[in-house]
Amino acid sequence: MLTLRTVVVVVVGVALGFSCKRSSTAARSRAAARTSQQEPAAAAGTSRLRQGDLIFQQSTSAQSAMVGALTDSRWTHMGVIFKEAEGLVVLEAASPVRKTPLQRWIARGRERGYVVKRLRDAESLLSDEALVKMRTLGSTWLGRPYDARFRWDDQTLYCSELAYKLFDRAAGVRLGTLQRAGEMNLNDEKVQQALRKRFASARFDPMETVVTPDSIFNDQQLVQIEP
């Protein structure tokens, strides 16, 4: 018989594997209230984008749908933009951590929609030195596995964990709100049913520190650049 701990373990383990098909009416209302003024852009010009910009999308993956329900979040995937010789890329925690060409990253999102945000004080906070530190730290994470069990260590990483740690350690900027895994929305029965099937044996600490894409998206230190 599944215990309450099993349900919590199962649900949270996938959750920020960050990314059911439904959440409660209250959850949908909260998510809509937070994001009603920010509609995603269809892929268009990206000439205004800079290194260190944050890009958000609604992923089409089943795991991202699960993340949306568990975190009451519209934004289920995110990454950090950098410039390479071949053009703009997105450093993302996918499977594994990697750099993805920007247009390819955008194409994976629902209806190619995305939103880009930037630090309000980027000119002073994202100095050349800070950007070098971000690139260097990000490079050390390339190839690391995706964090399907939502651990707050560096051995595996999920998307908003990568962004949070990158800005914190390289630029001294803490984005979003840290919370406990057990504080997420664990009450949706369809979510629980799906997770029991797929992750009944997963082990997870409900006291684990987590950060969601939505909490970073709504951080007042950021301003919207696109659309």
C-alpha atoms as a PDB file:
ATOM      1  CA  MET A   1       0.000   0.000   0.000  1.00  0.00           C
ATOM      2  CA  LEU A   2       1.329   3.470  -0.856  1.00  0.00           C
ATOM      3  CA  THR A   3       2.057   5.630   2.146  1.00  0.00           C
ATOM      4  CA  LEU A   4       1.801   9.412   2.227  1.00  0.00           C
ATOM      5  CA  ARG A   5       5.594   9.539   2.046  1.00  0.00           C
ATOM      6  CA  THR A   6       5.543   7.388  -1.092  1.00  0.00           C
ATOM      7  CA  VAL A   7       3.087   9.760  -2.740  1.00  0.00           C
ATOM      8  CA  VAL A   8       5.225  12.764  -1.858  1.00  0.00           C
ATOM      9  CA  VAL A   9       8.375  11.011  -3.047  1.00  0.00           C
ATOM     10  CA  VAL A  10       6.783   9.956  -6.281  1.00  0.00           C
ATOM     11  CA  VAL A  11       5.137  13.251  -7.053  1.00  0.00           C
ATOM     12  CA  VAL A  12       8.049  15.476  -6.326  1.00  0.00           C
ATOM     13  CA  GLY A  13      10.585  13.197  -7.979  1.00  0.00           C
ATOM     14  CA  VAL A  14       9.039  13.764 -11.383  1.00  0.00           C
ATOM     15  CA  ALA A  15       7.945  17.260 -10.804  1.00  0.00           C
ATOM     16  CA  LEU A  16      11.084  18.987 -11.501  1.00  0.00           C
ATOM     17  CA  GLY A  17      12.165  16.284 -13.576  1.00  0.00           C
ATOM     18  CA  PHE A  18      10.284  20.265 -14.178  1.00  0.00           C
ATOM     19  CA  SER A  19       8.043  19.471 -16.203  1.00  0.00           C
ATOM     20  CA  CYS A  20      -0.930  17.214 -15.557  1.00  0.00           C
ATOM     21  CA  LYS A  21      -2.651  17.498 -17.954  1.00  0.00           C
ATOM     22  CA  ARG A  22      -4.834  19.283 -15.439  1.00  0.00           C
ATOM     23  CA  SER A  23      -4.345  21.058 -12.178  1.00  0.00           C
ATOM     24  CA  SER A  24      -7.010  22.215  -9.783  1.00  0.00           C
ATOM     25  CA  THR A  25      -9.192  25.187 -10.697  1.00  0.00           C
ATOM     26  CA  ALA A  26      -7.468  27.223  -8.009  1.00  0.00           C
ATOM     27  CA  ALA A  27      -4.033  26.355  -9.381  1.00  0.00           C
ATOM     28  CA  ARG A  28      -5.041  27.359 -12.893  1.00  0.00           C
ATOM     29  CA  SER A  29      -6.402  30.637 -11.588  1.00  0.00           C
ATOM     30  CA  ARG A  30      -3.211  31.453  -9.732  1.00  0.00           C
ATOM     31  CA  ALA A  31      -1.073  30.669 -12.768  1.00  0.00           C
ATOM     32  CA  ALA A  32      -3.307  32.743 -15.044  1.00  0.00           C
ATOM     33  CA  ALA A  33      -3.231  35.691 -12.648  1.00  0.00           C
ATOM     34  CA  ARG A  34       0.548  35.707 -12.577  1.00  0.00           C
ATOM     35  CA  THR A  35       1.090  35.522 -16.327  1.00  0.00           C
ATOM     36  CA  SER A  36      -1.985  37.104 -17.866  1.00  0.00           C
ATOM     37  CA  GLN A  37      -0.046  40.148 -19.096  1.00  0.00           C
ATOM     38  CA  GLN A  38       2.851  38.227 -20.552  1.00  0.00           C
ATOM     39  CA  GLU A  39       1.980  36.337 -23.685  1.00  0.00           C
ATOM     40  CA  PRO A  40       4.762  34.349 -25.351  1.00  0.00           C
ATOM     41  CA  ALA A  41       6.197  35.677 -28.588  1.00  0.00           C
ATOM     42  CA  ALA A  42       6.150  33.667 -31.760  1.00  0.00           C
ATOM     43  CA  ALA A  43       9.723  33.227 -32.949  1.00  0.00           C
ATOM     44  CA  ALA A  44      10.777  36.427 -34.639  1.00  0.00           C
ATOM     45  CA  GLY A  45      13.767  38.742 -34.547  1.00  0.00           C
ATOM     46  CA  THR A  46      16.272  38.186 -31.764  1.00  0.00           C
ATOM     47  CA  SER A  47      18.682  41.030 -32.498  1.00  0.00           C
ATOM     48  CA  ARG A  48      18.100  42.676 -29.106  1.00  0.00           C
ATOM     49  CA  LEU A  49      19.198  39.636 -27.136  1.00  0.00           C
ATOM     50  CA  ARG A  50      22.384  39.661 -25.081  1.00  0.00           C
ATOM     51  CA  GLN A  51      24.524  37.218 -23.186  1.00  0.00           C
ATOM     52  CA  GLY A  52      23.026  36.494 -19.790  1.00  0.00           C
ATOM     53  CA  ASP A  53      19.431  36.964 -20.918  1.00  0.00           C
ATOM     54  CA  LEU A  54      16.965  34.395 -19.606  1.00  0.00           C
ATOM     55  CA  ILE A  55      14.591  32.699 -22.028  1.00  0.00           C
ATOM     56  CA  PHE A  56      11.390  30.896 -21.025  1.00  0.00           C
ATOM     57  CA  GLN A  57       9.006  28.632 -22.909  1.00  0.00           C
ATOM     58  CA  GLN A  58       6.133  26.222 -22.504  1.00  0.00           C
ATOM     59  CA  SER A  59       7.724  22.913 -23.355  1.00  0.00           C
ATOM     60  CA  THR A  60       5.640  20.350 -25.212  1.00  0.00           C
ATOM     61  CA  SER A  61       7.059  17.396 -23.283  1.00  0.00           C
ATOM     62  CA  ALA A  62       4.895  15.297 -20.964  1.00  0.00           C
ATOM     63  CA  GLN A  63       7.348  15.944 -18.165  1.00  0.00           C
ATOM     64  CA  SER A  64       6.991  19.692 -18.591  1.00  0.00           C
ATOM     65  CA  ALA A  65       3.218  19.362 -18.399  1.00  0.00           C
ATOM     66  CA  MET A  66       3.678  17.594 -15.091  1.00  0.00           C
ATOM     67  CA  VAL A  67       5.976  20.352 -13.884  1.00  0.00           C
ATOM     68  CA  GLY A  68       3.378  22.941 -14.768  1.00  0.00           C
ATOM     69  CA  ALA A  69       0.783  21.224 -12.612  1.00  0.00           C
ATOM     70  CA  LEU A  70       3.068  20.597  -9.658  1.00  0.00           C
ATOM     71  CA  THR A  71       4.444  24.120  -9.569  1.00  0.00           C
ATOM     72  CA  ASP A  72       1.337  26.027 -10.720  1.00  0.00           C
ATOM     73  CA  SER A  73       3.638  27.292 -13.441  1.00  0.00           C
ATOM     74  CA  ARG A  74       2.942  28.297 -17.010  1.00  0.00           C
ATOM     75  CA  TRP A  75       6.638  28.393 -17.798  1.00  0.00           C
ATOM     76  CA  THR A  76       7.997  24.868 -17.697  1.00  0.00           C
ATOM     77  CA  HIS A  77      11.442  25.252 -19.253  1.00  0.00           C
ATOM     78  CA  MET A  78      14.102  27.941 -19.341  1.00  0.00           C
ATOM     79  CA  GLY A  79      17.727  28.573 -20.178  1.00  0.00           C
ATOM     80  CA  VAL A  80      20.445  31.233 -20.314  1.00  0.00           C
ATOM     81  CA  ILE A  81      21.530  32.847 -23.585  1.00  0.00           C
ATOM     82  CA  PHE A  82      25.190  33.064 -24.610  1.00  0.00           C
ATOM     83  CA  LYS A  83      26.979  34.053 -27.802  1.00  0.00           C
ATOM     84  CA  GLU A  84      29.173  31.545 -29.627  1.00  0.00           C
ATOM     85  CA  ALA A  85      31.041  31.813 -32.913  1.00  0.00           C
ATOM     86  CA  GLU A  86      28.081  30.226 -34.695  1.00  0.00           C
ATOM     87  CA  GLY A  87      25.552  32.580 -33.101  1.00  0.00           C
ATOM     88  CA  LEU A  88      23.317  32.706 -30.041  1.00  0.00           C
ATOM     89  CA  VAL A  89      22.874  29.529 -28.014  1.00  0.00           C
ATOM     90  CA  VAL A  90      20.860  28.562 -24.948  1.00  0.00           C
ATOM     91  CA  LEU A  91      22.632  26.883 -22.053  1.00  0.00           C
ATOM     92  CA  GLU A  92      19.991  24.511 -20.725  1.00  0.00           C
ATOM     93  CA  ALA A  93      19.606  21.583 -18.378  1.00  0.00           C
ATOM     94  CA  ALA A  94      17.946  19.084 -20.662  1.00  0.00           C
ATOM     95  CA  SER A  95      19.238  15.575 -21.076  1.00  0.00           C
ATOM     96  CA  PRO A  96      22.103  16.277 -20.664  1.00  0.00           C
ATOM     97  CA  VAL A  97      23.156  19.866 -19.840  1.00  0.00           C
ATOM     98  CA  ARG A  98      24.065  21.367 -23.216  1.00  0.00           C
ATOM     99  CA  LYS A  99      24.217  24.426 -25.442  1.00  0.00           C
ATOM    100  CA  THR A 100      21.415  24.487 -28.004  1.00  0.00           C
ATOM    101  CA  PRO A 101      21.267  26.923 -30.954  1.00  0.00           C
ATOM    102  CA  LEU A 102      18.681  29.569 -30.098  1.00  0.00           C
ATOM    103  CA  GLN A 103      16.342  28.988 -33.043  1.00  0.00           C
ATOM    104  CA  ARG A 104      16.372  25.243 -32.463  1.00  0.00           C
ATOM    105  CA  TRP A 105      15.540  25.825 -28.792  1.00  0.00           C
ATOM    106  CA  ILE A 106      12.662  28.133 -29.703  1.00  0.00           C
ATOM    107  CA  ALA A 107      11.317  25.605 -32.212  1.00  0.00           C
ATOM    108  CA  ARG A 108      10.845  23.041 -29.444  1.00  0.00           C
ATOM    109  CA  GLY A 109       8.410  25.235 -27.524  1.00  0.00           C
ATOM    110  CA  ARG A 110       4.641  25.233 -27.801  1.00  0.00           C
ATOM    111  CA  GLU A 111       3.778  27.152 -30.978  1.00  0.00           C
ATOM    112  CA  ARG A 112       7.384  28.392 -30.980  1.00  0.00           C
ATOM    113  CA  GLY A 113       6.439  30.815 -28.215  1.00  0.00           C
ATOM    114  CA  TYR A 114       8.975  32.270 -25.801  1.00  0.00           C
ATOM    115  CA  VAL A 115       9.627  35.186 -23.461  1.00  0.00           C
ATOM    116  CA  VAL A 116      13.026  36.752 -22.800  1.00  0.00           C
ATOM    117  CA  LYS A 117      13.876  38.587 -19.591  1.00  0.00           C
ATOM    118  CA  ARG A 118      16.990  40.458 -18.493  1.00  0.00           C
ATOM    119  CA  LEU A 119      18.381  41.701 -15.206  1.00  0.00           C
ATOM    120  CA  ARG A 120      17.078  45.208 -14.585  1.00  0.00           C
ATOM    121  CA  ASP A 121      20.616  46.234 -13.613  1.00  0.00           C
ATOM    122  CA  ALA A 122      22.389  44.089 -16.190  1.00  0.00           C
ATOM    123  CA  GLU A 123      24.810  46.862 -17.180  1.00  0.00           C
ATOM    124  CA  SER A 124      26.344  46.879 -13.710  1.00  0.00           C
ATOM    125  CA  LEU A 125      25.681  43.333 -12.484  1.00  0.00           C
ATOM    126  CA  LEU A 126      26.607  41.405 -15.628  1.00  0.00           C
ATOM    127  CA  SER A 127      30.075  42.807 -16.164  1.00  0.00           C
ATOM    128  CA  ASP A 128      32.473  41.194 -18.616  1.00  0.00           C
ATOM    129  CA  GLU A 129      34.072  39.459 -15.643  1.00  0.00           C
ATOM    130  CA  ALA A 130      30.730  38.098 -14.434  1.00  0.00           C
ATOM    131  CA  LEU A 131      29.857  36.829 -17.907  1.00  0.00           C
ATOM    132  CA  VAL A 132      33.209  35.055 -18.183  1.00  0.00           C
ATOM    133  CA  LYS A 133      32.538  33.404 -14.820  1.00  0.00           C
ATOM    134  CA  MET A 134      29.072  32.352 -15.992  1.00  0.00           C
ATOM    135  CA  ARG A 135      30.430  30.841 -19.197  1.00  0.00           C
ATOM    136  CA  THR A 136      33.209  29.048 -17.338  1.00  0.00           C
ATOM    137  CA  LEU A 137      30.890  27.616 -14.700  1.00  0.00           C
ATOM    138  CA  GLY A 138      28.336  26.610 -17.326  1.00  0.00           C
ATOM    139  CA  SER A 139      31.028  24.813 -19.303  1.00  0.00           C
ATOM    140  CA  THR A 140      31.925  22.674 -16.275  1.00  0.00           C
ATOM    141  CA  TRP A 141      28.324  21.443 -16.192  1.00  0.00           C
ATOM    142  CA  LEU A 142      28.087  20.427 -19.853  1.00  0.00           C
ATOM    143  CA  GLY A 143      27.185  16.766 -20.207  1.00  0.00           C
ATOM    144  CA  ARG A 144      25.802  16.383 -16.699  1.00  0.00           C
ATOM    145  CA  PRO A 145      22.559  14.395 -16.453  1.00  0.00           C
ATOM    146  CA  TYR A 146      19.154  15.982 -16.132  1.00  0.00           C
ATOM    147  CA  ASP A 147      17.912  16.037 -12.541  1.00  0.00           C
ATOM    148  CA  ALA A 148      14.732  13.953 -12.670  1.00  0.00           C
ATOM    149  CA  ARG A 149      14.791  13.489  -8.889  1.00  0.00           C
ATOM    150  CA  PHE A 150      15.155  17.123  -8.052  1.00  0.00           C
ATOM    151  CA  ARG A 151      18.317  17.130  -5.920  1.00  0.00           C
ATOM    152  CA  TRP A 152      20.004  20.377  -4.873  1.00  0.00           C
ATOM    153  CA  ASP A 153      23.504  19.212  -5.743  1.00  0.00           C
ATOM    154  CA  ASP A 154      25.540  19.805  -8.884  1.00  0.00           C
ATOM    155  CA  GLN A 155      25.822  16.206 -10.043  1.00  0.00           C
ATOM    156  CA  THR A 156      22.493  16.470 -11.849  1.00  0.00           C
ATOM    157  CA  LEU A 157      20.690  19.697 -12.781  1.00  0.00           C
ATOM    158  CA  TYR A 158      17.219  20.833 -13.831  1.00  0.00           C
ATOM    159  CA  CYS A 159      16.564  23.995 -15.818  1.00  0.00           C
ATOM    160  CA  SER A 160      15.809  26.590 -13.149  1.00  0.00           C
ATOM    161  CA  GLU A 161      18.373  25.094 -10.783  1.00  0.00           C
ATOM    162  CA  LEU A 162      21.044  25.687 -13.425  1.00  0.00           C
ATOM    163  CA  ALA A 163      19.954  29.298 -13.973  1.00  0.00           C
ATOM    164  CA  TYR A 164      19.710  30.062 -10.255  1.00  0.00           C
ATOM    165  CA  LYS A 165      23.156  28.664  -9.448  1.00  0.00           C
ATOM    166  CA  LEU A 166      24.766  30.300 -12.481  1.00  0.00           C
ATOM    167  CA  PHE A 167      23.611  33.801 -11.519  1.00  0.00           C
ATOM    168  CA  ASP A 168      24.194  33.278  -7.799  1.00  0.00           C
ATOM    169  CA  ARG A 169      27.731  31.951  -8.057  1.00  0.00           C
ATOM    170  CA  ALA A 170      29.023  33.984 -10.988  1.00  0.00           C
ATOM    171  CA  ALA A 171      27.247  37.316 -10.501  1.00  0.00           C
ATOM    172  CA  GLY A 172      26.078  37.253  -6.878  1.00  0.00           C
ATOM    173  CA  VAL A 173      22.440  37.571  -7.974  1.00  0.00           C
ATOM    174  CA  ARG A 174      19.777  35.312  -6.481  1.00  0.00           C
ATOM    175  CA  LEU A 175      16.749  34.934  -8.711  1.00  0.00           C
ATOM    176  CA  GLY A 176      13.394  33.426  -7.809  1.00  0.00           C
ATOM    177  CA  THR A 177      12.218  32.038  -4.491  1.00  0.00           C
ATOM    178  CA  LEU A 178      13.757  28.992  -2.873  1.00  0.00           C
ATOM    179  CA  GLN A 179      11.211  26.626  -1.348  1.00  0.00           C
ATOM    180  CA  ARG A 180      10.857  23.046  -0.122  1.00  0.00           C
ATOM    181  CA  ALA A 181       9.885  20.302  -2.529  1.00  0.00           C
ATOM    182  CA  GLY A 182       7.038  19.256  -0.254  1.00  0.00           C
ATOM    183  CA  GLU A 183       5.444  22.688  -0.682  1.00  0.00           C
ATOM    184  CA  MET A 184       4.575  22.032  -4.307  1.00  0.00           C
ATOM    185  CA  ASN A 185       1.093  21.129  -5.491  1.00  0.00           C
ATOM    186  CA  LEU A 186       0.894  17.430  -4.604  1.00  0.00           C
ATOM    187  CA  ASN A 187      -2.895  17.141  -4.396  1.00  0.00           C
ATOM    188  CA  ASP A 188      -3.926  16.579  -8.007  1.00  0.00           C
ATOM    189  CA  GLU A 189      -5.113  12.977  -8.231  1.00  0.00           C
ATOM    190  CA  LYS A 190      -4.288  12.534 -11.895  1.00  0.00           C
ATOM    191  CA  VAL A 191      -0.749  13.648 -11.166  1.00  0.00           C
ATOM    192  CA  GLN A 192      -0.500  11.153  -8.334  1.00  0.00           C
ATOM    193  CA  GLN A 193      -1.847   8.306 -10.470  1.00  0.00           C
ATOM    194  CA  ALA A 194       0.635   8.992 -13.247  1.00  0.00           C
ATOM    195  CA  LEU A 195       3.531   9.247 -10.852  1.00  0.00           C
ATOM    196  CA  ARG A 196       2.666   6.081  -8.957  1.00  0.00           C
ATOM    197  CA  LYS A 197       2.969   4.176 -12.219  1.00  0.00           C
ATOM    198  CA  ARG A 198       6.223   5.670 -13.358  1.00  0.00           C
ATOM    199  CA  PHE A 199       8.112   6.519 -10.179  1.00  0.00           C
ATOM    200  CA  ALA A 200       6.783   4.366  -7.380  1.00  0.00           C
ATOM    201  CA  SER A 201      10.314   3.376  -6.380  1.00  0.00           C
ATOM    202  CA  ALA A 202      11.824   6.864  -6.532  1.00  0.00           C
ATOM    203  CA  ARG A 203      13.357   8.231  -3.361  1.00  0.00           C
ATOM    204  CA  PHE A 204      13.013  11.903  -2.609  1.00  0.00           C
ATOM    205  CA  ASP A 205      13.391  14.248   0.346  1.00  0.00           C
ATOM    206  CA  PRO A 206      10.345  16.552   0.617  1.00  0.00           C
ATOM    207  CA  MET A 207      12.590  19.013   2.491  1.00  0.00           C
ATOM    208  CA  GLU A 208      14.891  19.357  -0.531  1.00  0.00           C
ATOM    209  CA  THR A 209      15.508  22.924  -1.691  1.00  0.00           C
ATOM    210  CA  VAL A 210      13.889  23.752  -5.036  1.00  0.00           C
ATOM    211  CA  VAL A 211      13.434  26.736  -7.327  1.00  0.00           C
ATOM    212  CA  THR A 212      10.831  26.861 -10.105  1.00  0.00           C
ATOM    213  CA  PRO A 213      10.968  28.506 -13.549  1.00  0.00           C
ATOM    214  CA  ASP A 214       7.863  30.513 -12.667  1.00  0.00           C
ATOM    215  CA  SER A 215       9.406  32.024  -9.528  1.00  0.00           C
ATOM    216  CA  ILE A 216      12.403  33.183 -11.550  1.00  0.00           C
ATOM    217  CA  PHE A 217      10.125  34.504 -14.301  1.00  0.00           C
ATOM    218  CA  ASN A 218       8.240  36.628 -11.767  1.00  0.00           C
ATOM    219  CA  ASP A 219      11.328  38.001 -10.006  1.00  0.00           C
ATOM    220  CA  GLN A 220      11.172  41.799  -9.853  1.00  0.00           C
ATOM    221  CA  GLN A 221      14.895  42.020 -10.587  1.00  0.00           C
ATOM    222  CA  LEU A 222      14.069  41.094 -14.188  1.00  0.00           C
ATOM    223  CA  VAL A 223      12.557  43.130 -17.003  1.00  0.00           C
ATOM    224  CA  GLN A 224      10.925  41.719 -20.114  1.00  0.00           C
ATOM    225  CA  ILE A 225      12.816  42.172 -23.387  1.00  0.00           C
ATOM    226  CA  GLU A 226      10.772  40.069 -25.821  1.00  0.00           C
ATOM    227  CA  PRO A 227       8.027  40.099 -26.874  1.00  0.00           C
END
